[in-house]
């Protein structure tokens, strides 16, 4: 885990967005084996050229939609983009992990499980995690200040997001996390550009 000082240091040295150029758009997606290990609704379905909205707990990997977008509060989104292959994806997780017995079905609501599914898709198309540009957004504190015991879900989501990006070697290109404002995130699937906007509460 990184300290807040380390996070601030890294944010100060993040590079700007890098864009690619559209190439052929052969279909890429999660493997049939990965999909078979998912609860219904985790992998969002996309039509070619669509603007795909990811709901909490959903993820997508491929190159069919024109864009991926989502809305974040205390949840966190990780976006991935391969600048040479022009494929990528996004996950929107709600919680860092789940407790209890081990489950056979991976659930996109939990950080490590969502990223594990993206990693399987990355391997399925013959690529490596360190070839991907990543962005990390969300983790806002959206609960009222007067609550006596506020759960630190946003902070925990941020921490595990940092850890997963580092552990798997993604190239972190952009980050905006914490504070108390919701965010909207959009990944352009033709250029790889990521647009993040903060919203008023």
N, C-alpha and C. Protein backbone atom coordinates (compact mmCIF):
# COMPACT_ATOMS: atom_id res chain seq x y z
N UNK A 1 0.84 -1.19 0.00
CA UNK A 1 0.00 0.00 0.00
C UNK A 1 0.88 1.26 0.00
N UNK A 2 0.40 2.31 -0.65
CA UNK A 2 1.14 3.56 -0.68
C UNK A 2 0.60 4.52 0.37
N UNK A 3 1.49 5.34 0.93
CA UNK A 3 1.06 6.39 1.83
C UNK A 3 0.49 7.54 1.03
N UNK A 4 -0.21 8.45 1.74
CA UNK A 4 -0.76 9.61 1.04
C UNK A 4 0.35 10.47 0.44
N UNK A 5 1.48 10.57 1.15
CA UNK A 5 2.59 11.34 0.61
C UNK A 5 3.11 10.74 -0.69
N UNK A 6 3.22 9.41 -0.72
CA UNK A 6 3.66 8.75 -1.95
C UNK A 6 2.66 8.98 -3.07
N UNK A 7 1.37 8.94 -2.74
CA UNK A 7 0.34 9.18 -3.75
C UNK A 7 0.48 10.59 -4.30
N UNK A 8 0.68 11.57 -3.43
CA UNK A 8 0.81 12.95 -3.88
C UNK A 8 2.05 13.11 -4.76
N UNK A 9 3.14 12.46 -4.37
CA UNK A 9 4.36 12.53 -5.16
C UNK A 9 4.14 11.95 -6.55
N UNK A 10 3.45 10.85 -6.63
CA UNK A 10 3.20 10.21 -7.92
C UNK A 10 2.28 11.07 -8.77
N UNK A 11 1.25 11.66 -8.15
CA UNK A 11 0.34 12.51 -8.91
C UNK A 11 1.08 13.69 -9.51
N UNK A 12 2.06 14.23 -8.79
CA UNK A 12 2.80 15.38 -9.28
C UNK A 12 3.67 15.05 -10.49
N UNK A 13 3.95 13.77 -10.69
CA UNK A 13 4.83 13.36 -11.78
C UNK A 13 4.12 12.58 -12.87
N UNK A 14 2.80 12.54 -12.80
CA UNK A 14 2.08 11.81 -13.84
C UNK A 14 2.20 12.52 -15.16
N UNK A 15 2.33 11.76 -16.24
CA UNK A 15 2.40 12.33 -17.56
C UNK A 15 1.00 12.62 -18.08
N UNK A 16 0.91 13.43 -19.13
CA UNK A 16 -0.37 13.75 -19.74
C UNK A 16 -0.90 12.57 -20.53
N UNK A 17 -2.13 12.72 -21.04
CA UNK A 17 -2.75 11.68 -21.84
C UNK A 17 -1.97 11.50 -23.14
N UNK A 18 -1.86 10.25 -23.60
CA UNK A 18 -1.25 9.96 -24.87
C UNK A 18 -2.29 9.33 -25.76
N UNK A 19 -2.35 9.82 -27.01
CA UNK A 19 -3.37 9.35 -27.93
C UNK A 19 -2.75 8.56 -29.06
N UNK A 20 -3.51 7.57 -29.54
CA UNK A 20 -3.10 6.78 -30.68
C UNK A 20 -3.90 7.17 -31.90
N UNK A 21 -3.85 6.33 -32.92
CA UNK A 21 -4.58 6.58 -34.15
C UNK A 21 -5.38 5.35 -34.50
N UNK A 22 -6.60 5.52 -34.96
CA UNK A 22 -7.45 4.38 -35.27
C UNK A 22 -6.82 3.45 -36.29
N UNK A 23 -6.97 2.16 -36.07
CA UNK A 23 -6.52 1.16 -37.01
C UNK A 23 -7.68 0.21 -37.26
N UNK A 24 -7.37 -0.98 -37.77
CA UNK A 24 -8.42 -1.97 -37.96
C UNK A 24 -9.08 -2.33 -36.66
N UNK A 25 -10.36 -2.71 -36.71
CA UNK A 25 -11.12 -2.93 -35.50
C UNK A 25 -11.65 -4.36 -35.44
N UNK A 26 -10.72 -5.32 -35.51
CA UNK A 26 -11.13 -6.70 -35.32
C UNK A 26 -11.68 -6.85 -33.91
N UNK A 27 -12.64 -7.75 -33.76
CA UNK A 27 -13.33 -7.88 -32.48
C UNK A 27 -12.44 -8.56 -31.43
N UNK A 28 -12.37 -7.94 -30.26
CA UNK A 28 -11.68 -8.53 -29.11
C UNK A 28 -12.62 -8.43 -27.92
N UNK A 29 -12.62 -9.42 -27.09
CA UNK A 29 -13.50 -9.40 -25.92
C UNK A 29 -12.98 -10.39 -24.90
N UNK A 30 -13.65 -10.47 -23.78
CA UNK A 30 -13.32 -11.48 -22.79
C UNK A 30 -13.53 -12.87 -23.37
N UNK A 31 -12.70 -13.80 -22.98
CA UNK A 31 -12.82 -15.16 -23.48
C UNK A 31 -14.09 -15.82 -22.98
N UNK A 32 -14.54 -16.83 -23.70
CA UNK A 32 -15.74 -17.56 -23.30
C UNK A 32 -15.56 -18.18 -21.92
N UNK A 33 -14.33 -18.61 -21.61
CA UNK A 33 -14.07 -19.21 -20.31
C UNK A 33 -14.25 -18.18 -19.19
N UNK A 34 -13.79 -16.94 -19.45
CA UNK A 34 -13.94 -15.89 -18.44
C UNK A 34 -15.40 -15.54 -18.23
N UNK A 35 -16.13 -15.42 -19.33
CA UNK A 35 -17.54 -15.06 -19.23
C UNK A 35 -18.32 -16.14 -18.48
N UNK A 36 -17.94 -17.39 -18.67
CA UNK A 36 -18.64 -18.49 -18.00
C UNK A 36 -18.46 -18.46 -16.49
N UNK A 37 -17.44 -17.75 -16.03
CA UNK A 37 -17.19 -17.67 -14.59
C UNK A 37 -17.72 -16.38 -13.98
N UNK A 38 -18.68 -15.75 -14.64
CA UNK A 38 -19.19 -14.47 -14.18
C UNK A 38 -20.66 -14.54 -13.81
N UNK A 39 -21.06 -13.80 -12.78
CA UNK A 39 -22.50 -13.63 -12.56
C UNK A 39 -23.11 -12.88 -13.73
N UNK A 40 -24.39 -13.06 -13.94
CA UNK A 40 -25.06 -12.38 -15.04
C UNK A 40 -24.94 -10.87 -14.87
N UNK A 41 -24.61 -10.17 -15.96
CA UNK A 41 -24.60 -8.72 -15.93
C UNK A 41 -23.26 -8.09 -15.63
N UNK A 42 -22.22 -8.87 -15.32
CA UNK A 42 -20.92 -8.29 -15.01
C UNK A 42 -20.26 -7.72 -16.26
N UNK A 43 -20.23 -8.49 -17.33
CA UNK A 43 -19.64 -8.02 -18.58
C UNK A 43 -20.69 -7.27 -19.37
N UNK A 44 -20.47 -5.99 -19.59
CA UNK A 44 -21.41 -5.19 -20.35
C UNK A 44 -21.33 -5.57 -21.83
N UNK A 45 -22.47 -5.64 -22.49
CA UNK A 45 -22.54 -5.96 -23.91
C UNK A 45 -22.52 -4.68 -24.72
N UNK A 46 -21.77 -4.67 -25.80
CA UNK A 46 -21.62 -3.46 -26.59
C UNK A 46 -21.93 -3.71 -28.05
N UNK A 47 -22.60 -2.75 -28.66
CA UNK A 47 -22.81 -2.76 -30.10
C UNK A 47 -21.70 -1.94 -30.75
N UNK A 48 -21.24 -2.33 -31.95
CA UNK A 48 -20.20 -1.55 -32.62
C UNK A 48 -20.60 -0.09 -32.75
N UNK A 49 -19.68 0.79 -32.38
CA UNK A 49 -19.91 2.22 -32.49
C UNK A 49 -20.77 2.82 -31.41
N UNK A 50 -21.13 2.06 -30.38
CA UNK A 50 -22.03 2.56 -29.35
C UNK A 50 -21.28 3.35 -28.28
N UNK A 51 -22.03 4.09 -27.49
CA UNK A 51 -21.53 4.77 -26.31
C UNK A 51 -21.99 3.93 -25.12
N UNK A 52 -21.09 3.15 -24.56
CA UNK A 52 -21.46 2.15 -23.56
C UNK A 52 -21.33 2.71 -22.16
N UNK A 53 -22.44 2.72 -21.43
CA UNK A 53 -22.44 3.15 -20.03
C UNK A 53 -22.26 1.94 -19.13
N UNK A 54 -21.20 1.95 -18.33
CA UNK A 54 -20.96 0.87 -17.37
C UNK A 54 -21.64 1.20 -16.05
N UNK A 55 -22.44 0.27 -15.58
CA UNK A 55 -23.09 0.40 -14.29
C UNK A 55 -22.15 -0.14 -13.20
N UNK A 56 -22.39 0.22 -11.93
CA UNK A 56 -21.55 -0.31 -10.85
C UNK A 56 -21.47 -1.83 -10.88
N UNK A 57 -20.24 -2.35 -10.79
CA UNK A 57 -20.02 -3.78 -10.82
C UNK A 57 -19.80 -4.34 -12.21
N UNK A 58 -19.92 -3.51 -13.25
CA UNK A 58 -19.73 -3.98 -14.62
C UNK A 58 -18.33 -3.67 -15.13
N UNK A 59 -17.93 -4.38 -16.17
CA UNK A 59 -16.66 -4.12 -16.83
C UNK A 59 -16.80 -4.45 -18.31
N UNK A 60 -15.86 -3.95 -19.08
CA UNK A 60 -15.82 -4.25 -20.52
C UNK A 60 -14.37 -4.26 -20.96
N UNK A 61 -14.06 -5.16 -21.90
CA UNK A 61 -12.75 -5.17 -22.57
C UNK A 61 -12.98 -5.52 -24.02
N UNK A 62 -12.37 -4.78 -24.92
CA UNK A 62 -12.52 -5.04 -26.34
C UNK A 62 -12.28 -3.79 -27.16
N UNK A 63 -12.98 -3.70 -28.30
CA UNK A 63 -12.83 -2.51 -29.14
C UNK A 63 -14.09 -2.20 -29.94
N UNK A 64 -15.22 -2.74 -29.53
CA UNK A 64 -16.44 -2.54 -30.30
C UNK A 64 -17.10 -1.17 -30.09
N UNK A 65 -17.29 -0.71 -28.86
CA UNK A 65 -17.98 0.57 -28.70
C UNK A 65 -17.10 1.75 -29.11
N UNK A 66 -17.74 2.86 -29.40
CA UNK A 66 -16.99 4.08 -29.68
C UNK A 66 -16.41 4.66 -28.40
N UNK A 67 -17.09 4.43 -27.29
CA UNK A 67 -16.60 4.95 -26.01
C UNK A 67 -17.17 4.13 -24.87
N UNK A 68 -16.48 4.20 -23.73
CA UNK A 68 -16.94 3.64 -22.47
C UNK A 68 -17.07 4.80 -21.49
N UNK A 69 -18.13 4.80 -20.71
CA UNK A 69 -18.29 5.86 -19.73
C UNK A 69 -18.94 5.31 -18.47
N UNK A 70 -18.74 6.03 -17.38
CA UNK A 70 -19.35 5.63 -16.12
C UNK A 70 -19.40 6.82 -15.18
N UNK A 71 -20.19 6.70 -14.12
CA UNK A 71 -20.35 7.71 -13.10
C UNK A 71 -19.88 7.15 -11.77
N UNK A 72 -19.12 7.94 -11.01
CA UNK A 72 -18.47 7.44 -9.81
C UNK A 72 -18.78 8.31 -8.60
N UNK A 73 -19.01 7.64 -7.46
CA UNK A 73 -19.03 8.29 -6.16
C UNK A 73 -17.86 7.75 -5.36
N UNK A 74 -18.17 6.88 -4.39
CA UNK A 74 -17.09 6.22 -3.63
C UNK A 74 -16.49 5.05 -4.42
N UNK A 75 -17.15 4.65 -5.50
CA UNK A 75 -16.61 3.60 -6.36
C UNK A 75 -15.36 4.09 -7.09
N UNK A 76 -14.64 3.16 -7.69
CA UNK A 76 -13.44 3.49 -8.45
C UNK A 76 -13.51 2.83 -9.81
N UNK A 77 -13.04 3.56 -10.82
CA UNK A 77 -12.91 3.01 -12.17
C UNK A 77 -11.45 2.96 -12.55
N UNK A 78 -11.06 1.87 -13.17
CA UNK A 78 -9.74 1.74 -13.78
C UNK A 78 -9.96 1.60 -15.29
N UNK A 79 -9.33 2.46 -16.07
CA UNK A 79 -9.41 2.35 -17.52
C UNK A 79 -8.08 1.83 -18.04
N UNK A 80 -8.14 1.06 -19.12
CA UNK A 80 -6.95 0.49 -19.75
C UNK A 80 -6.99 0.76 -21.24
N UNK A 81 -5.82 1.04 -21.82
CA UNK A 81 -5.74 1.30 -23.25
C UNK A 81 -4.39 0.83 -23.78
N UNK A 82 -4.42 0.06 -24.88
CA UNK A 82 -3.20 -0.39 -25.54
C UNK A 82 -2.93 0.55 -26.71
N UNK A 83 -1.88 1.37 -26.64
CA UNK A 83 -1.67 2.40 -27.65
C UNK A 83 -1.30 1.88 -29.03
N UNK A 84 -0.86 0.64 -29.13
CA UNK A 84 -0.51 0.07 -30.44
C UNK A 84 -1.63 -0.80 -31.00
N UNK A 85 -2.25 -1.58 -30.16
CA UNK A 85 -3.33 -2.47 -30.61
C UNK A 85 -4.70 -1.80 -30.66
N UNK A 86 -4.82 -0.66 -30.00
CA UNK A 86 -6.09 0.09 -29.97
C UNK A 86 -7.24 -0.76 -29.44
N UNK A 87 -6.97 -1.40 -28.32
CA UNK A 87 -7.99 -2.11 -27.57
C UNK A 87 -7.87 -1.66 -26.12
N UNK A 88 -8.95 -1.84 -25.39
CA UNK A 88 -8.89 -1.41 -24.00
C UNK A 88 -10.14 -1.78 -23.25
N UNK A 89 -10.25 -1.22 -22.07
CA UNK A 89 -11.41 -1.56 -21.25
C UNK A 89 -11.51 -0.70 -20.02
N UNK A 90 -12.51 -1.02 -19.23
CA UNK A 90 -12.77 -0.29 -18.00
C UNK A 90 -13.50 -1.21 -17.03
N UNK A 91 -13.20 -1.05 -15.76
CA UNK A 91 -14.01 -1.70 -14.73
C UNK A 91 -14.49 -0.64 -13.75
N UNK A 92 -15.62 -0.90 -13.13
CA UNK A 92 -16.23 0.01 -12.15
C UNK A 92 -16.54 -0.83 -10.92
N UNK A 93 -15.64 -0.78 -9.92
CA UNK A 93 -15.87 -1.61 -8.74
C UNK A 93 -16.37 -0.78 -7.56
N UNK A 94 -17.12 -1.45 -6.69
CA UNK A 94 -17.77 -0.78 -5.56
C UNK A 94 -17.02 -0.96 -4.25
N UNK A 95 -16.35 -2.12 -4.10
CA UNK A 95 -15.73 -2.48 -2.84
C UNK A 95 -14.34 -3.06 -3.08
N UNK A 96 -13.44 -2.93 -2.12
CA UNK A 96 -12.09 -3.47 -2.32
C UNK A 96 -12.05 -4.99 -2.39
N UNK A 97 -12.83 -5.64 -1.57
CA UNK A 97 -12.81 -7.11 -1.54
C UNK A 97 -14.06 -7.61 -0.84
N UNK A 98 -14.29 -8.89 -0.94
CA UNK A 98 -15.41 -9.48 -0.19
C UNK A 98 -14.87 -10.47 0.82
N UNK A 99 -15.55 -10.55 1.90
CA UNK A 99 -15.13 -11.46 2.97
C UNK A 99 -15.97 -12.73 2.92
N UNK A 100 -15.56 -13.69 3.71
CA UNK A 100 -16.31 -14.94 3.75
C UNK A 100 -15.65 -16.02 2.93
N UNK A 101 -16.43 -17.02 2.56
CA UNK A 101 -15.89 -18.17 1.85
C UNK A 101 -15.51 -17.79 0.43
N UNK A 102 -14.60 -18.54 -0.14
CA UNK A 102 -14.16 -18.30 -1.50
C UNK A 102 -15.28 -18.66 -2.48
N UNK A 103 -15.48 -17.79 -3.48
CA UNK A 103 -16.53 -18.00 -4.45
C UNK A 103 -15.93 -18.45 -5.78
N UNK A 104 -16.66 -19.27 -6.51
CA UNK A 104 -16.18 -19.75 -7.80
C UNK A 104 -16.44 -18.74 -8.91
N UNK A 105 -17.45 -17.88 -8.73
CA UNK A 105 -17.76 -16.88 -9.74
C UNK A 105 -17.12 -15.55 -9.35
N UNK A 106 -16.33 -14.99 -10.26
CA UNK A 106 -15.75 -13.68 -10.00
C UNK A 106 -16.84 -12.61 -10.12
N UNK A 107 -16.73 -11.61 -9.29
CA UNK A 107 -17.76 -10.58 -9.22
C UNK A 107 -17.12 -9.22 -9.46
N UNK A 108 -17.59 -8.51 -10.47
CA UNK A 108 -17.02 -7.22 -10.84
C UNK A 108 -17.24 -6.12 -9.83
N UNK A 109 -18.03 -6.38 -8.79
CA UNK A 109 -18.21 -5.37 -7.75
C UNK A 109 -16.99 -5.22 -6.87
N UNK A 110 -16.07 -6.20 -6.92
CA UNK A 110 -14.91 -6.21 -6.04
C UNK A 110 -13.63 -5.99 -6.86
N UNK A 111 -12.76 -5.13 -6.33
CA UNK A 111 -11.61 -4.64 -7.09
C UNK A 111 -10.74 -5.75 -7.68
N UNK A 112 -10.22 -6.61 -6.83
CA UNK A 112 -9.28 -7.63 -7.31
C UNK A 112 -9.91 -8.57 -8.32
N UNK A 113 -11.20 -8.87 -8.13
CA UNK A 113 -11.88 -9.79 -9.05
C UNK A 113 -12.14 -9.12 -10.40
N UNK A 114 -12.50 -7.85 -10.37
CA UNK A 114 -12.70 -7.12 -11.62
C UNK A 114 -11.41 -7.02 -12.41
N UNK A 115 -10.31 -6.70 -11.74
CA UNK A 115 -9.03 -6.58 -12.42
C UNK A 115 -8.55 -7.94 -12.91
N UNK A 116 -8.82 -9.00 -12.15
CA UNK A 116 -8.44 -10.34 -12.59
C UNK A 116 -9.11 -10.69 -13.91
N UNK A 117 -10.35 -10.28 -14.08
CA UNK A 117 -11.06 -10.54 -15.34
C UNK A 117 -10.45 -9.73 -16.49
N UNK A 118 -10.08 -8.50 -16.22
CA UNK A 118 -9.40 -7.71 -17.25
C UNK A 118 -8.05 -8.32 -17.62
N UNK A 119 -7.34 -8.85 -16.63
CA UNK A 119 -6.05 -9.49 -16.90
C UNK A 119 -6.22 -10.72 -17.78
N UNK A 120 -7.29 -11.48 -17.54
CA UNK A 120 -7.54 -12.64 -18.39
C UNK A 120 -7.82 -12.21 -19.83
N UNK A 121 -8.56 -11.12 -19.98
CA UNK A 121 -8.83 -10.62 -21.32
C UNK A 121 -7.56 -10.13 -21.99
N UNK A 122 -6.69 -9.48 -21.23
CA UNK A 122 -5.41 -9.00 -21.76
C UNK A 122 -4.58 -10.16 -22.28
N UNK A 123 -4.51 -11.24 -21.51
CA UNK A 123 -3.76 -12.42 -21.95
C UNK A 123 -4.44 -13.09 -23.14
N UNK A 124 -5.76 -13.08 -23.15
CA UNK A 124 -6.53 -13.72 -24.22
C UNK A 124 -6.22 -13.13 -25.58
N UNK A 125 -5.92 -11.84 -25.64
CA UNK A 125 -5.61 -11.20 -26.93
C UNK A 125 -4.11 -11.11 -27.18
N UNK A 126 -3.31 -11.81 -26.38
CA UNK A 126 -1.87 -11.90 -26.62
C UNK A 126 -1.09 -10.66 -26.24
N UNK A 127 -1.54 -9.96 -25.21
CA UNK A 127 -0.83 -8.77 -24.76
C UNK A 127 -0.43 -8.92 -23.30
N UNK A 128 0.32 -7.92 -22.79
CA UNK A 128 0.79 -7.94 -21.41
C UNK A 128 0.28 -6.71 -20.67
N UNK A 129 0.10 -6.80 -19.37
CA UNK A 129 -0.38 -5.65 -18.61
C UNK A 129 0.50 -4.41 -18.74
N UNK A 130 1.83 -4.60 -18.81
CA UNK A 130 2.71 -3.44 -18.85
C UNK A 130 2.67 -2.69 -20.19
N UNK A 131 1.92 -3.20 -21.14
CA UNK A 131 1.75 -2.52 -22.42
C UNK A 131 0.58 -1.53 -22.39
N UNK A 132 -0.17 -1.52 -21.29
CA UNK A 132 -1.40 -0.74 -21.24
C UNK A 132 -1.23 0.55 -20.44
N UNK A 133 -1.80 1.62 -20.97
CA UNK A 133 -1.94 2.87 -20.23
C UNK A 133 -3.15 2.75 -19.32
N UNK A 134 -2.98 3.14 -18.07
CA UNK A 134 -4.06 3.02 -17.10
C UNK A 134 -4.40 4.38 -16.50
N UNK A 135 -5.68 4.54 -16.14
CA UNK A 135 -6.15 5.71 -15.40
C UNK A 135 -6.95 5.22 -14.21
N UNK A 136 -6.86 5.96 -13.11
CA UNK A 136 -7.50 5.58 -11.86
C UNK A 136 -8.31 6.76 -11.34
N UNK A 137 -9.63 6.58 -11.20
CA UNK A 137 -10.49 7.68 -10.80
C UNK A 137 -11.53 7.23 -9.78
N UNK A 138 -11.97 8.18 -8.94
CA UNK A 138 -13.06 7.92 -8.02
C UNK A 138 -12.64 7.89 -6.57
N UNK A 139 -13.39 7.13 -5.77
CA UNK A 139 -13.10 7.00 -4.36
C UNK A 139 -13.49 8.21 -3.53
N UNK A 140 -14.54 8.91 -3.95
CA UNK A 140 -14.97 10.11 -3.22
C UNK A 140 -15.62 9.75 -1.89
N UNK A 141 -15.53 10.67 -0.95
CA UNK A 141 -16.26 10.57 0.31
C UNK A 141 -17.61 11.25 0.08
N UNK A 142 -18.64 10.47 -0.14
CA UNK A 142 -19.95 11.03 -0.49
C UNK A 142 -20.95 10.99 0.65
N UNK A 143 -20.50 10.62 1.85
CA UNK A 143 -21.41 10.55 3.00
C UNK A 143 -21.40 11.86 3.78
N UNK A 144 -22.51 12.22 4.41
CA UNK A 144 -22.58 13.48 5.18
C UNK A 144 -21.54 13.52 6.29
N UNK A 145 -21.02 14.73 6.55
CA UNK A 145 -19.98 14.90 7.56
C UNK A 145 -20.47 14.66 8.98
N UNK A 146 -21.78 14.79 9.22
CA UNK A 146 -22.28 14.70 10.59
C UNK A 146 -22.37 13.26 11.09
N UNK A 147 -22.16 12.27 10.21
CA UNK A 147 -22.22 10.88 10.66
C UNK A 147 -21.10 10.59 11.65
N UNK A 148 -21.44 9.94 12.75
CA UNK A 148 -20.45 9.65 13.79
C UNK A 148 -19.41 8.63 13.32
N UNK A 149 -19.87 7.62 12.59
CA UNK A 149 -18.95 6.57 12.13
C UNK A 149 -19.13 6.40 10.63
N UNK A 150 -18.27 7.06 9.88
CA UNK A 150 -18.35 6.99 8.43
C UNK A 150 -17.42 5.87 7.92
N UNK A 151 -17.93 4.92 7.17
CA UNK A 151 -17.05 3.89 6.61
C UNK A 151 -16.10 4.52 5.60
N UNK A 152 -14.87 4.01 5.55
CA UNK A 152 -13.85 4.58 4.67
C UNK A 152 -13.78 3.81 3.36
N UNK A 153 -14.94 3.53 2.76
CA UNK A 153 -14.97 2.73 1.55
C UNK A 153 -14.19 3.40 0.43
N UNK A 154 -14.38 4.70 0.25
CA UNK A 154 -13.67 5.40 -0.82
C UNK A 154 -12.17 5.29 -0.68
N UNK A 155 -11.67 5.52 0.53
CA UNK A 155 -10.23 5.43 0.79
C UNK A 155 -9.72 4.03 0.51
N UNK A 156 -10.45 3.03 0.97
CA UNK A 156 -10.02 1.65 0.76
C UNK A 156 -10.05 1.28 -0.73
N UNK A 157 -11.05 1.79 -1.45
CA UNK A 157 -11.10 1.54 -2.89
C UNK A 157 -9.91 2.16 -3.61
N UNK A 158 -9.52 3.35 -3.18
CA UNK A 158 -8.35 4.02 -3.78
C UNK A 158 -7.09 3.21 -3.50
N UNK A 159 -6.91 2.82 -2.25
CA UNK A 159 -5.69 2.10 -1.87
C UNK A 159 -5.52 0.81 -2.67
N UNK A 160 -6.59 0.03 -2.80
CA UNK A 160 -6.43 -1.22 -3.54
C UNK A 160 -6.27 -0.95 -5.02
N UNK A 161 -6.86 0.15 -5.52
CA UNK A 161 -6.64 0.51 -6.92
C UNK A 161 -5.17 0.79 -7.20
N UNK A 162 -4.54 1.60 -6.34
CA UNK A 162 -3.11 1.86 -6.47
C UNK A 162 -2.32 0.54 -6.44
N UNK A 163 -2.65 -0.30 -5.47
CA UNK A 163 -1.92 -1.56 -5.31
C UNK A 163 -2.03 -2.44 -6.55
N UNK A 164 -3.23 -2.56 -7.11
CA UNK A 164 -3.43 -3.42 -8.28
C UNK A 164 -2.72 -2.88 -9.51
N UNK A 165 -2.76 -1.57 -9.70
CA UNK A 165 -2.05 -0.97 -10.83
C UNK A 165 -0.55 -1.24 -10.72
N UNK A 166 0.00 -1.04 -9.52
CA UNK A 166 1.43 -1.28 -9.31
C UNK A 166 1.78 -2.76 -9.45
N UNK A 167 0.98 -3.60 -8.84
CA UNK A 167 1.29 -5.03 -8.81
C UNK A 167 1.38 -5.62 -10.21
N UNK A 168 0.50 -5.19 -11.09
CA UNK A 168 0.43 -5.80 -12.42
C UNK A 168 1.19 -5.02 -13.48
N UNK A 169 1.79 -3.91 -13.11
CA UNK A 169 2.70 -3.22 -14.02
C UNK A 169 2.05 -2.34 -15.08
N UNK A 170 0.80 -1.93 -14.87
CA UNK A 170 0.17 -1.00 -15.81
C UNK A 170 0.91 0.33 -15.78
N UNK A 171 0.91 1.04 -16.90
CA UNK A 171 1.51 2.36 -16.98
C UNK A 171 0.48 3.40 -16.55
N UNK A 172 0.62 3.92 -15.35
CA UNK A 172 -0.36 4.85 -14.83
C UNK A 172 -0.16 6.23 -15.45
N UNK A 173 -1.15 6.67 -16.21
CA UNK A 173 -1.05 7.91 -16.97
C UNK A 173 -1.90 9.04 -16.40
N UNK A 174 -2.90 8.71 -15.60
CA UNK A 174 -3.77 9.75 -15.05
C UNK A 174 -4.45 9.26 -13.81
N UNK A 175 -4.65 10.16 -12.84
CA UNK A 175 -5.32 9.79 -11.59
C UNK A 175 -6.01 11.01 -11.00
N UNK A 176 -7.19 10.81 -10.48
CA UNK A 176 -7.90 11.83 -9.74
C UNK A 176 -8.80 11.10 -8.76
N UNK A 177 -8.43 11.10 -7.50
CA UNK A 177 -9.12 10.28 -6.50
C UNK A 177 -9.37 11.08 -5.24
N UNK A 178 -10.32 10.58 -4.43
CA UNK A 178 -10.57 11.18 -3.14
C UNK A 178 -11.49 12.39 -3.20
N UNK A 179 -11.34 13.30 -2.24
CA UNK A 179 -12.19 14.48 -2.07
C UNK A 179 -13.63 14.05 -1.83
N UNK A 180 -14.58 14.92 -2.09
CA UNK A 180 -15.98 14.61 -1.77
C UNK A 180 -16.91 14.90 -2.94
N UNK A 181 -16.39 14.78 -4.17
CA UNK A 181 -17.21 15.09 -5.34
C UNK A 181 -17.35 13.87 -6.24
N UNK A 182 -18.53 13.66 -6.82
CA UNK A 182 -18.69 12.61 -7.82
C UNK A 182 -17.91 12.96 -9.08
N UNK A 183 -17.68 11.94 -9.89
CA UNK A 183 -16.94 12.13 -11.13
C UNK A 183 -17.61 11.36 -12.27
N UNK A 184 -17.44 11.86 -13.47
CA UNK A 184 -17.80 11.11 -14.67
C UNK A 184 -16.53 10.84 -15.45
N UNK A 185 -16.45 9.64 -16.03
CA UNK A 185 -15.25 9.21 -16.76
C UNK A 185 -15.67 8.68 -18.13
N UNK A 186 -14.92 9.06 -19.15
CA UNK A 186 -15.20 8.59 -20.51
C UNK A 186 -13.90 8.20 -21.19
N UNK A 187 -13.85 6.97 -21.71
CA UNK A 187 -12.70 6.47 -22.47
C UNK A 187 -13.09 6.41 -23.94
N UNK A 188 -12.39 7.17 -24.77
CA UNK A 188 -12.61 7.14 -26.22
C UNK A 188 -11.92 5.90 -26.77
N UNK A 189 -12.67 4.98 -27.32
CA UNK A 189 -12.12 3.71 -27.77
C UNK A 189 -11.47 3.81 -29.15
N UNK A 190 -11.48 4.97 -29.74
CA UNK A 190 -10.77 5.15 -31.02
C UNK A 190 -9.40 5.78 -30.82
N UNK A 191 -9.29 6.68 -29.86
CA UNK A 191 -8.03 7.38 -29.64
C UNK A 191 -7.33 6.99 -28.35
N UNK A 192 -8.06 6.44 -27.38
CA UNK A 192 -7.49 6.13 -26.08
C UNK A 192 -7.54 7.29 -25.11
N UNK A 193 -8.08 8.42 -25.54
CA UNK A 193 -8.16 9.59 -24.66
C UNK A 193 -9.17 9.33 -23.54
N UNK A 194 -8.80 9.74 -22.33
CA UNK A 194 -9.69 9.61 -21.18
C UNK A 194 -10.07 11.00 -20.70
N UNK A 195 -11.38 11.23 -20.60
CA UNK A 195 -11.89 12.50 -20.11
C UNK A 195 -12.57 12.27 -18.77
N UNK A 196 -12.11 13.01 -17.74
CA UNK A 196 -12.71 12.91 -16.43
C UNK A 196 -13.22 14.29 -16.03
N UNK A 197 -14.47 14.31 -15.53
CA UNK A 197 -15.05 15.57 -15.07
C UNK A 197 -15.57 15.40 -13.64
N UNK A 198 -15.27 16.39 -12.82
CA UNK A 198 -15.81 16.44 -11.46
C UNK A 198 -17.18 17.10 -11.50
N UNK A 199 -18.10 16.60 -10.69
CA UNK A 199 -19.45 17.14 -10.65
C UNK A 199 -19.70 17.85 -9.34
N UNK A 200 -20.66 18.77 -9.35
CA UNK A 200 -21.08 19.42 -8.12
C UNK A 200 -21.95 18.45 -7.33
N UNK A 201 -21.81 18.46 -6.04
CA UNK A 201 -22.64 17.58 -5.19
C UNK A 201 -24.06 18.11 -5.12
